[in-house]
PDB file of N, CA and C in Angstrom:
ATOM      1  N   UNK A   1      39.831  99.302 157.170  1.00  0.00           N
ATOM      2  CA  UNK A   1      38.635  98.566 157.508  1.00  0.00           C
ATOM      3  C   UNK A   1      37.833  99.361 158.518  1.00  0.00           C
ATOM      4  N   UNK A   2      36.604  99.625 158.172  1.00  0.00           N
ATOM      5  CA  UNK A   2      35.780 100.471 159.006  1.00  0.00           C
ATOM      6  C   UNK A   2      35.124  99.724 160.148  1.00  0.00           C
ATOM      7  N   UNK A   3      34.376 100.484 160.931  1.00  0.00           N
ATOM      8  CA  UNK A   3      33.704  99.902 162.087  1.00  0.00           C
ATOM      9  C   UNK A   3      32.610  98.919 161.666  1.00  0.00           C
ATOM     10  N   UNK A   4      32.097  99.084 160.446  1.00  0.00           N
ATOM     11  CA  UNK A   4      31.098  98.134 159.945  1.00  0.00           C
ATOM     12  C   UNK A   4      31.672  96.734 159.821  1.00  0.00           C
ATOM     13  N   UNK A   5      32.904  96.664 159.371  1.00  0.00           N
ATOM     14  CA  UNK A   5      33.583  95.369 159.232  1.00  0.00           C
ATOM     15  C   UNK A   5      33.768  94.721 160.603  1.00  0.00           C
ATOM     16  N   UNK A   6      34.227  95.505 161.575  1.00  0.00           N
ATOM     17  CA  UNK A   6      34.448  94.973 162.922  1.00  0.00           C
ATOM     18  C   UNK A   6      33.137  94.514 163.552  1.00  0.00           C
ATOM     19  N   UNK A   7      32.081  95.290 163.301  1.00  0.00           N
ATOM     20  CA  UNK A   7      30.770  94.920 163.836  1.00  0.00           C
ATOM     21  C   UNK A   7      30.306  93.592 163.235  1.00  0.00           C
ATOM     22  N   UNK A   8      30.458  93.440 161.919  1.00  0.00           N
ATOM     23  CA  UNK A   8      30.069  92.186 161.253  1.00  0.00           C
ATOM     24  C   UNK A   8      30.911  91.019 161.761  1.00  0.00           C
ATOM     25  N   UNK A   9      32.196  91.286 161.963  1.00  0.00           N
ATOM     26  CA  UNK A   9      33.096  90.239 162.453  1.00  0.00           C
ATOM     27  C   UNK A   9      32.654  89.770 163.841  1.00  0.00           C
ATOM     28  N   UNK A  10      32.271  90.716 164.716  1.00  0.00           N
ATOM     29  CA  UNK A  10      31.783  90.367 166.052  1.00  0.00           C
ATOM     30  C   UNK A  10      30.481  89.570 165.959  1.00  0.00           C
ATOM     31  N   UNK A  11      29.591  90.008 165.065  1.00  0.00           N
ATOM     32  CA  UNK A  11      28.318  89.306 164.883  1.00  0.00           C
ATOM     33  C   UNK A  11      28.563  87.875 164.417  1.00  0.00           C
ATOM     34  N   UNK A  12      29.493  87.699 163.489  1.00  0.00           N
ATOM     35  CA  UNK A  12      29.790  86.364 162.973  1.00  0.00           C
ATOM     36  C   UNK A  12      30.397  85.482 164.061  1.00  0.00           C
ATOM     37  N   UNK A  13      31.250  86.051 164.885  1.00  0.00           N
ATOM     38  CA  UNK A  13      31.847  85.290 165.985  1.00  0.00           C
ATOM     39  C   UNK A  13      30.754  84.850 166.954  1.00  0.00           C
ATOM     40  N   UNK A  14      29.824  85.756 167.246  1.00  0.00           N
ATOM     41  CA  UNK A  14      28.724  85.424 168.151  1.00  0.00           C
ATOM     42  C   UNK A  14      27.848  84.323 167.544  1.00  0.00           C
ATOM     43  N   UNK A  15      27.536  84.429 166.262  1.00  0.00           N
ATOM     44  CA  UNK A  15      26.744  83.400 165.589  1.00  0.00           C
ATOM     45  C   UNK A  15      27.457  82.056 165.619  1.00  0.00           C
ATOM     46  N   UNK A  16      28.756  82.074 165.389  1.00  0.00           N
ATOM     47  CA  UNK A  16      29.521  80.830 165.401  1.00  0.00           C
ATOM     48  C   UNK A  16      29.488  80.199 166.792  1.00  0.00           C
ATOM     49  N   UNK A  17      29.620  81.006 167.834  1.00  0.00           N
ATOM     50  CA  UNK A  17      29.555  80.496 169.203  1.00  0.00           C
ATOM     51  C   UNK A  17      28.181  79.909 169.500  1.00  0.00           C
ATOM     52  N   UNK A  18      27.125  80.587 169.041  1.00  0.00           N
ATOM     53  CA  UNK A  18      25.768  80.077 169.246  1.00  0.00           C
ATOM     54  C   UNK A  18      25.583  78.751 168.515  1.00  0.00           C
ATOM     55  N   UNK A  19      26.104  78.667 167.311  1.00  0.00           N
ATOM     56  CA  UNK A  19      25.981  77.448 166.524  1.00  0.00           C
ATOM     57  C   UNK A  19      26.723  76.298 167.202  1.00  0.00           C
ATOM     58  N   UNK A  20      27.921  76.557 167.702  1.00  0.00           N
ATOM     59  CA  UNK A  20      28.693  75.517 168.376  1.00  0.00           C
ATOM     60  C   UNK A  20      27.986  75.041 169.636  1.00  0.00           C
ATOM     61  N   UNK A  21      27.361  75.973 170.363  1.00  0.00           N
ATOM     62  CA  UNK A  21      26.595  75.587 171.553  1.00  0.00           C
ATOM     63  C   UNK A  21      25.396  74.736 171.154  1.00  0.00           C
ATOM     64  N   UNK A  22      24.734  75.124 170.072  1.00  0.00           N
ATOM     65  CA  UNK A  22      23.586  74.366 169.590  1.00  0.00           C
ATOM     66  C   UNK A  22      24.011  72.941 169.235  1.00  0.00           C
ATOM     67  N   UNK A  23      25.132  72.792 168.539  1.00  0.00           N
ATOM     68  CA  UNK A  23      25.622  71.460 168.176  1.00  0.00           C
ATOM     69  C   UNK A  23      25.903  70.633 169.430  1.00  0.00           C
ATOM     70  N   UNK A  24      26.508  71.246 170.430  1.00  0.00           N
ATOM     71  CA  UNK A  24      26.815  70.547 171.679  1.00  0.00           C
ATOM     72  C   UNK A  24      25.518  70.129 172.375  1.00  0.00           C
ATOM     73  N   UNK A  25      24.542  71.035 172.420  1.00  0.00           N
ATOM     74  CA  UNK A  25      23.260  70.725 173.053  1.00  0.00           C
ATOM     75  C   UNK A  25      22.575  69.551 172.368  1.00  0.00           C
ATOM     76  N   UNK A  26      22.614  69.517 171.052  1.00  0.00           N
ATOM     77  CA  UNK A  26      21.985  68.423 170.305  1.00  0.00           C
ATOM     78  C   UNK A  26      22.694  67.110 170.611  1.00  0.00           C
ATOM     79  N   UNK A  27      24.014  67.118 170.647  1.00  0.00           N
ATOM     80  CA  UNK A  27      24.765  65.892 170.936  1.00  0.00           C
ATOM     81  C   UNK A  27      24.441  65.348 172.318  1.00  0.00           C
ATOM     82  N   UNK A  28      24.147  66.230 173.259  1.00  0.00           N
ATOM     83  CA  UNK A  28      23.877  65.805 174.629  1.00  0.00           C
ATOM     84  C   UNK A  28      22.430  65.356 174.847  1.00  0.00           C
ATOM     85  N   UNK A  29      21.575  65.586 173.881  1.00  0.00           N
ATOM     86  CA  UNK A  29      20.176  65.180 174.011  1.00  0.00           C
ATOM     87  C   UNK A  29      20.043  63.666 174.082  1.00  0.00           C
ATOM     88  N   UNK A  30      19.086  63.211 174.860  1.00  0.00           N
ATOM     89  CA  UNK A  30      18.667  61.814 174.848  1.00  0.00           C
ATOM     90  C   UNK A  30      17.162  61.800 175.069  1.00  0.00           C
ATOM     91  N   UNK A  31      16.487  60.972 174.327  1.00  0.00           N
ATOM     92  CA  UNK A  31      15.044  60.808 174.485  1.00  0.00           C
ATOM     93  C   UNK A  31      14.712  59.329 174.392  1.00  0.00           C
ATOM     94  N   UNK A  32      13.694  58.935 175.135  1.00  0.00           N
ATOM     95  CA  UNK A  32      13.258  57.545 175.125  1.00  0.00           C
ATOM     96  C   UNK A  32      11.858  57.464 174.548  1.00  0.00           C
ATOM     97  N   UNK A  33      11.720  56.606 173.551  1.00  0.00           N
ATOM     98  CA  UNK A  33      10.409  56.323 172.987  1.00  0.00           C
ATOM     99  C   UNK A  33       9.925  54.996 173.529  1.00  0.00           C
ATOM    100  N   UNK A  34       8.615  54.833 173.568  1.00  0.00           N
ATOM    101  CA  UNK A  34       8.097  53.562 174.065  1.00  0.00           C
ATOM    102  C   UNK A  34       6.910  53.099 173.255  1.00  0.00           C
ATOM    103  N   UNK A  35       6.643  51.820 173.389  1.00  0.00           N
ATOM    104  CA  UNK A  35       5.494  51.217 172.711  1.00  0.00           C
ATOM    105  C   UNK A  35       4.922  50.133 173.618  1.00  0.00           C
ATOM    106  N   UNK A  36       3.651  49.856 173.417  1.00  0.00           N
ATOM    107  CA  UNK A  36       3.002  48.805 174.200  1.00  0.00           C
ATOM    108  C   UNK A  36       3.017  49.101 175.688  1.00  0.00           C
ATOM    109  N   UNK A  37       2.769  50.353 176.049  1.00  0.00           N
ATOM    110  CA  UNK A  37       2.760  50.782 177.460  1.00  0.00           C
ATOM    111  C   UNK A  37       4.050  50.395 178.170  1.00  0.00           C
ATOM    112  N   UNK A  38       5.175  50.605 177.487  1.00  0.00           N
ATOM    113  CA  UNK A  38       6.475  50.364 178.102  1.00  0.00           C
ATOM    114  C   UNK A  38       7.046  48.976 177.882  1.00  0.00           C
ATOM    115  N   UNK A  39       6.363  48.138 177.092  1.00  0.00           N
ATOM    116  CA  UNK A  39       6.920  46.810 176.813  1.00  0.00           C
ATOM    117  C   UNK A  39       8.241  46.912 176.060  1.00  0.00           C
ATOM    118  N   UNK A  40       8.331  47.900 175.173  1.00  0.00           N
ATOM    119  CA  UNK A  40       9.563  48.141 174.422  1.00  0.00           C
ATOM    120  C   UNK A  40       9.909  49.617 174.563  1.00  0.00           C
ATOM    121  N   UNK A  41      11.170  49.891 174.919  1.00  0.00           N
ATOM    122  CA  UNK A  41      11.648  51.271 174.950  1.00  0.00           C
ATOM    123  C   UNK A  41      12.931  51.369 174.136  1.00  0.00           C
ATOM    124  N   UNK A  42      13.068  52.502 173.455  1.00  0.00           N
ATOM    125  CA  UNK A  42      14.265  52.781 172.657  1.00  0.00           C
ATOM    126  C   UNK A  42      14.757  54.164 173.059  1.00  0.00           C
ATOM    127  N   UNK A  43      16.013  54.226 173.494  1.00  0.00           N
ATOM    128  CA  UNK A  43      16.623  55.512 173.853  1.00  0.00           C
ATOM    129  C   UNK A  43      17.540  55.940 172.715  1.00  0.00           C
ATOM    130  N   UNK A  44      17.313  57.176 172.231  1.00  0.00           N
ATOM    131  CA  UNK A  44      18.127  57.736 171.148  1.00  0.00           C
ATOM    132  C   UNK A  44      18.910  58.937 171.645  1.00  0.00           C
ATOM    133  N   UNK A  45      20.054  59.165 170.999  1.00  0.00           N
ATOM    134  CA  UNK A  45      20.812  60.387 171.234  1.00  0.00           C
ATOM    135  C   UNK A  45      20.298  61.456 170.281  1.00  0.00           C
ATOM    136  N   UNK A  46      20.743  62.672 170.484  1.00  0.00           N
ATOM    137  CA  UNK A  46      20.362  63.774 169.605  1.00  0.00           C
ATOM    138  C   UNK A  46      20.854  63.600 168.181  1.00  0.00           C
ATOM    139  N   UNK A  47      21.789  62.685 167.985  1.00  0.00           N
ATOM    140  CA  UNK A  47      22.299  62.396 166.645  1.00  0.00           C
ATOM    141  C   UNK A  47      21.603  61.172 166.041  1.00  0.00           C
ATOM    142  N   UNK A  48      20.476  60.786 166.639  1.00  0.00           N
ATOM    143  CA  UNK A  48      19.652  59.673 166.162  1.00  0.00           C
ATOM    144  C   UNK A  48      20.392  58.337 166.205  1.00  0.00           C
ATOM    145  N   UNK A  49      21.235  58.167 167.189  1.00  0.00           N
ATOM    146  CA  UNK A  49      21.906  56.887 167.398  1.00  0.00           C
ATOM    147  C   UNK A  49      21.215  56.193 168.568  1.00  0.00           C
ATOM    148  N   UNK A  50      21.063  54.887 168.447  1.00  0.00           N
ATOM    149  CA  UNK A  50      20.413  54.131 169.511  1.00  0.00           C
ATOM    150  C   UNK A  50      21.382  54.002 170.682  1.00  0.00           C
ATOM    151  N   UNK A  51      20.960  54.496 171.843  1.00  0.00           N
ATOM    152  CA  UNK A  51      21.769  54.400 173.054  1.00  0.00           C
ATOM    153  C   UNK A  51      21.381  53.163 173.859  1.00  0.00           C
ATOM    154  N   UNK A  52      20.110  52.746 173.750  1.00  0.00           N
ATOM    155  CA  UNK A  52      19.641  51.614 174.545  1.00  0.00           C
ATOM    156  C   UNK A  52      18.317  51.109 173.978  1.00  0.00           C
ATOM    157  N   UNK A  53      18.116  49.823 174.077  1.00  0.00           N
ATOM    158  CA  UNK A  53      16.826  49.199 173.748  1.00  0.00           C
ATOM    159  C   UNK A  53      16.491  48.261 174.897  1.00  0.00           C
ATOM    160  N   UNK A  54      15.267  48.363 175.387  1.00  0.00           N
ATOM    161  CA  UNK A  54      14.804  47.447 176.431  1.00  0.00           C
ATOM    162  C   UNK A  54      13.527  46.777 175.941  1.00  0.00           C
ATOM    163  N   UNK A  55      13.499  45.463 176.095  1.00  0.00           N
ATOM    164  CA  UNK A  55      12.332  44.676 175.703  1.00  0.00           C
ATOM    165  C   UNK A  55      11.941  43.827 176.903  1.00  0.00           C
ATOM    166  N   UNK A  56      10.722  44.025 177.383  1.00  0.00           N
ATOM    167  CA  UNK A  56      10.255  43.228 178.518  1.00  0.00           C
ATOM    168  C   UNK A  56       9.928  41.816 178.034  1.00  0.00           C
ATOM    169  N   UNK A  57      10.283  40.824 178.818  1.00  0.00           N
ATOM    170  CA  UNK A  57      10.058  39.433 178.408  1.00  0.00           C
ATOM    171  C   UNK A  57       8.598  39.124 178.065  1.00  0.00           C
ATOM    172  N   UNK A  58       7.660  39.877 178.651  1.00  0.00           N
ATOM    173  CA  UNK A  58       6.235  39.632 178.396  1.00  0.00           C
ATOM    174  C   UNK A  58       5.879  39.717 176.916  1.00  0.00           C
ATOM    175  N   UNK A  59       6.621  40.508 176.147  1.00  0.00           N
ATOM    176  CA  UNK A  59       6.232  40.713 174.749  1.00  0.00           C
ATOM    177  C   UNK A  59       7.038  39.846 173.782  1.00  0.00           C
ATOM    178  N   UNK A  60       7.875  38.962 174.320  1.00  0.00           N
ATOM    179  CA  UNK A  60       8.660  38.087 173.449  1.00  0.00           C
ATOM    180  C   UNK A  60       7.875  36.793 173.246  1.00  0.00           C
ATOM    181  N   UNK A  61       7.347  36.655 172.048  1.00  0.00           N
ATOM    182  CA  UNK A  61       6.576  35.469 171.676  1.00  0.00           C
ATOM    183  C   UNK A  61       7.123  34.956 170.351  1.00  0.00           C
ATOM    184  N   UNK A  62       7.758  33.784 170.359  1.00  0.00           N
ATOM    185  CA  UNK A  62       8.324  33.260 169.113  1.00  0.00           C
ATOM    186  C   UNK A  62       7.282  33.094 168.003  1.00  0.00           C
ATOM    187  N   UNK A  63       6.030  33.021 168.378  1.00  0.00           N
ATOM    188  CA  UNK A  63       4.962  32.871 167.391  1.00  0.00           C
ATOM    189  C   UNK A  63       4.514  34.220 166.821  1.00  0.00           C
ATOM    190  N   UNK A  64       4.973  35.313 167.419  1.00  0.00           N
ATOM    191  CA  UNK A  64       4.543  36.644 166.973  1.00  0.00           C
ATOM    192  C   UNK A  64       5.735  37.597 166.873  1.00  0.00           C
ATOM    193  N   UNK A  65       6.697  37.243 166.060  1.00  0.00           N
ATOM    194  CA  UNK A  65       7.876  38.081 165.855  1.00  0.00           C
ATOM    195  C   UNK A  65       7.472  39.418 165.244  1.00  0.00           C
ATOM    196  N   UNK A  66       6.496  39.414 164.352  1.00  0.00           N
ATOM    197  CA  UNK A  66       6.050  40.657 163.714  1.00  0.00           C
ATOM    198  C   UNK A  66       5.509  41.651 164.738  1.00  0.00           C
ATOM    199  N   UNK A  67       4.836  41.153 165.753  1.00  0.00           N
ATOM    200  CA  UNK A  67       4.324  42.035 166.802  1.00  0.00           C
ATOM    201  C   UNK A  67       5.456  42.740 167.538  1.00  0.00           C
ATOM    202  N   UNK A  68       6.520  42.006 167.841  1.00  0.00           N
ATOM    203  CA  UNK A  68       7.683  42.603 168.502  1.00  0.00           C
ATOM    204  C   UNK A  68       8.363  43.610 167.582  1.00  0.00           C
ATOM    205  N   UNK A  69       8.471  43.273 166.318  1.00  0.00           N
ATOM    206  CA  UNK A  69       9.061  44.201 165.347  1.00  0.00           C
ATOM    207  C   UNK A  69       8.264  45.500 165.289  1.00  0.00           C
ATOM    208  N   UNK A  70       6.950  45.385 165.312  1.00  0.00           N
ATOM    209  CA  UNK A  70       6.093  46.581 165.302  1.00  0.00           C
ATOM    210  C   UNK A  70       6.322  47.437 166.547  1.00  0.00           C
ATOM    211  N   UNK A  71       6.442  46.785 167.708  1.00  0.00           N
ATOM    212  CA  UNK A  71       6.672  47.531 168.946  1.00  0.00           C
ATOM    213  C   UNK A  71       8.007  48.276 168.896  1.00  0.00           C
ATOM    214  N   UNK A  72       9.034  47.629 168.373  1.00  0.00           N
ATOM    215  CA  UNK A  72      10.346  48.278 168.260  1.00  0.00           C
ATOM    216  C   UNK A  72      10.262  49.471 167.314  1.00  0.00           C
ATOM    217  N   UNK A  73       9.590  49.280 166.184  1.00  0.00           N
ATOM    218  CA  UNK A  73       9.442  50.366 165.209  1.00  0.00           C
ATOM    219  C   UNK A  73       8.698  51.549 165.819  1.00  0.00           C
ATOM    220  N   UNK A  74       7.607  51.279 166.519  1.00  0.00           N
ATOM    221  CA  UNK A  74       6.809  52.344 167.130  1.00  0.00           C
ATOM    222  C   UNK A  74       7.624  53.076 168.202  1.00  0.00           C
ATOM    223  N   UNK A  75       8.356  52.332 169.031  1.00  0.00           N
ATOM    224  CA  UNK A  75       9.175  52.958 170.074  1.00  0.00           C
ATOM    225  C   UNK A  75      10.275  53.819 169.460  1.00  0.00           C
ATOM    226  N   UNK A  76      10.910  53.323 168.412  1.00  0.00           N
ATOM    227  CA  UNK A  76      11.962  54.083 167.736  1.00  0.00           C
ATOM    228  C   UNK A  76      11.390  55.378 167.162  1.00  0.00           C
ATOM    229  N   UNK A  77      10.273  55.276 166.455  1.00  0.00           N
ATOM    230  CA  UNK A  77       9.659  56.470 165.858  1.00  0.00           C
ATOM    231  C   UNK A  77       9.205  57.465 166.925  1.00  0.00           C
ATOM    232  N   UNK A  78       8.747  56.966 168.060  1.00  0.00           N
ATOM    233  CA  UNK A  78       8.359  57.840 169.166  1.00  0.00           C
ATOM    234  C   UNK A  78       9.574  58.628 169.663  1.00  0.00           C
ATOM    235  N   UNK A  79      10.705  57.953 169.812  1.00  0.00           N
ATOM    236  CA  UNK A  79      11.929  58.635 170.247  1.00  0.00           C
ATOM    237  C   UNK A  79      12.391  59.658 169.212  1.00  0.00           C
ATOM    238  N   UNK A  80      12.305  59.310 167.927  1.00  0.00           N
ATOM    239  CA  UNK A  80      12.684  60.246 166.858  1.00  0.00           C
ATOM    240  C   UNK A  80      11.821  61.503 166.929  1.00  0.00           C
ATOM    241  N   UNK A  81      10.521  61.325 167.107  1.00  0.00           N
ATOM    242  CA  UNK A  81       9.620  62.479 167.196  1.00  0.00           C
ATOM    243  C   UNK A  81       9.966  63.372 168.386  1.00  0.00           C
ATOM    244  N   UNK A  82      10.351  62.769 169.507  1.00  0.00           N
ATOM    245  CA  UNK A  82      10.720  63.552 170.689  1.00  0.00           C
ATOM    246  C   UNK A  82      12.023  64.322 170.452  1.00  0.00           C
ATOM    247  N   UNK A  83      13.000  63.672 169.815  1.00  0.00           N
ATOM    248  CA  UNK A  83      14.261  64.354 169.483  1.00  0.00           C
ATOM    249  C   UNK A  83      13.971  65.512 168.528  1.00  0.00           C
ATOM    250  N   UNK A  84      13.148  65.255 167.503  1.00  0.00           N
ATOM    251  CA  UNK A  84      12.797  66.310 166.540  1.00  0.00           C
ATOM    252  C   UNK A  84      12.170  67.513 167.245  1.00  0.00           C
ATOM    253  N   UNK A  85      11.258  67.247 168.176  1.00  0.00           N
ATOM    254  CA  UNK A  85      10.589  68.336 168.895  1.00  0.00           C
ATOM    255  C   UNK A  85      11.592  69.145 169.715  1.00  0.00           C
ATOM    256  N   UNK A  86      12.527  68.469 170.361  1.00  0.00           N
ATOM    257  CA  UNK A  86      13.520  69.189 171.167  1.00  0.00           C
ATOM    258  C   UNK A  86      14.505  69.958 170.304  1.00  0.00           C
ATOM    259  N   UNK A  87      14.914  69.402 169.177  1.00  0.00           N
ATOM    260  CA  UNK A  87      15.897  70.102 168.348  1.00  0.00           C
ATOM    261  C   UNK A  87      15.284  71.319 167.680  1.00  0.00           C
ATOM    262  N   UNK A  88      13.987  71.316 167.450  1.00  0.00           N
ATOM    263  CA  UNK A  88      13.339  72.515 166.905  1.00  0.00           C
ATOM    264  C   UNK A  88      13.455  73.664 167.892  1.00  0.00           C
ATOM    265  N   UNK A  89      13.388  73.360 169.186  1.00  0.00           N
ATOM    266  CA  UNK A  89      13.538  74.398 170.210  1.00  0.00           C
ATOM    267  C   UNK A  89      14.968  74.915 170.269  1.00  0.00           C
ATOM    268  N   UNK A  90      15.929  74.057 170.047  1.00  0.00           N
ATOM    269  CA  UNK A  90      17.342  74.448 170.091  1.00  0.00           C
ATOM    270  C   UNK A  90      17.708  75.269 168.875  1.00  0.00           C
ATOM    271  N   UNK A  91      17.106  74.988 167.746  1.00  0.00           N
ATOM    272  CA  UNK A  91      17.495  75.624 166.499  1.00  0.00           C
ATOM    273  C   UNK A  91      16.960  77.042 166.351  1.00  0.00           C
ATOM    274  N   UNK A  92      16.841  77.778 167.420  1.00  0.00           N
ATOM    275  CA  UNK A  92      16.366  79.147 167.367  1.00  0.00           C
ATOM    276  C   UNK A  92      17.466  80.124 166.999  1.00  0.00           C
ATOM    277  N   UNK A  93      18.418  79.677 166.246  1.00  0.00           N
ATOM    278  CA  UNK A  93      19.549  80.510 165.851  1.00  0.00           C
ATOM    279  C   UNK A  93      19.092  81.547 164.841  1.00  0.00           C
ATOM    280  N   UNK A  94      19.475  82.788 165.021  1.00  0.00           N
ATOM    281  CA  UNK A  94      19.086  83.809 164.048  1.00  0.00           C
ATOM    282  C   UNK A  94      19.699  83.539 162.682  1.00  0.00           C
ATOM    283  N   UNK A  95      19.144  84.140 161.672  1.00  0.00           N
ATOM    284  CA  UNK A  95      19.626  83.963 160.304  1.00  0.00           C
ATOM    285  C   UNK A  95      21.100  84.324 160.223  1.00  0.00           C
ATOM    286  N   UNK A  96      21.887  83.418 159.644  1.00  0.00           N
ATOM    287  CA  UNK A  96      23.342  83.617 159.583  1.00  0.00           C
ATOM    288  C   UNK A  96      23.758  84.417 158.357  1.00  0.00           C
ATOM    289  N   UNK A  97      22.830  85.058 157.712  1.00  0.00           N
ATOM    290  CA  UNK A  97      23.180  85.925 156.594  1.00  0.00           C
ATOM    291  C   UNK A  97      23.764  85.202 155.404  1.00  0.00           C
ATOM    292  N   UNK A  98      23.321  83.971 155.173  1.00  0.00           N
ATOM    293  CA  UNK A  98      23.781  83.230 154.006  1.00  0.00           C
ATOM    294  C   UNK A  98      25.094  82.497 154.207  1.00  0.00           C
ATOM    295  N   UNK A  99      25.638  82.530 155.409  1.00  0.00           N
ATOM    296  CA  UNK A  99      26.883  81.813 155.653  1.00  0.00           C
ATOM    297  C   UNK A  99      26.577  80.339 155.888  1.00  0.00           C
ATOM    298  N   UNK A 100      27.471  79.439 155.516  1.00  0.00           N
ATOM    299  CA  UNK A 100      27.175  78.015 155.529  1.00  0.00           C
ATOM    300  C   UNK A 100      27.175  77.351 156.892  1.00  0.00           C
ATOM    301  N   UNK A 101      27.318  78.060 157.959  1.00  0.00           N
ATOM    302  CA  UNK A 101      27.287  77.395 159.258  1.00  0.00           C
ATOM    303  C   UNK A 101      26.136  77.823 160.083  1.00  0.00           C
TER     304      UNK A 101
END
């Protein structure tokens, strides 16, 4: 096995380490989306799981459930957009040469 093989092996190990760090960074991400000037906030993890939802009593109206649903949807989508923006920055991994990781 020549030095080319060893060089590729080192490159692959480095890529794998970068990928594992990227996965860890994404898991540790948290972003909060909001709607209605903070009436509803939704905190998401980097894996798009809801970590927290806060609803201020001011926006709870039994006569307008649809309005509250809209605020939750908007806050959730805002958090998703923020997570997406941050993960694009993390995903600066160089081309892995066709390898599946």
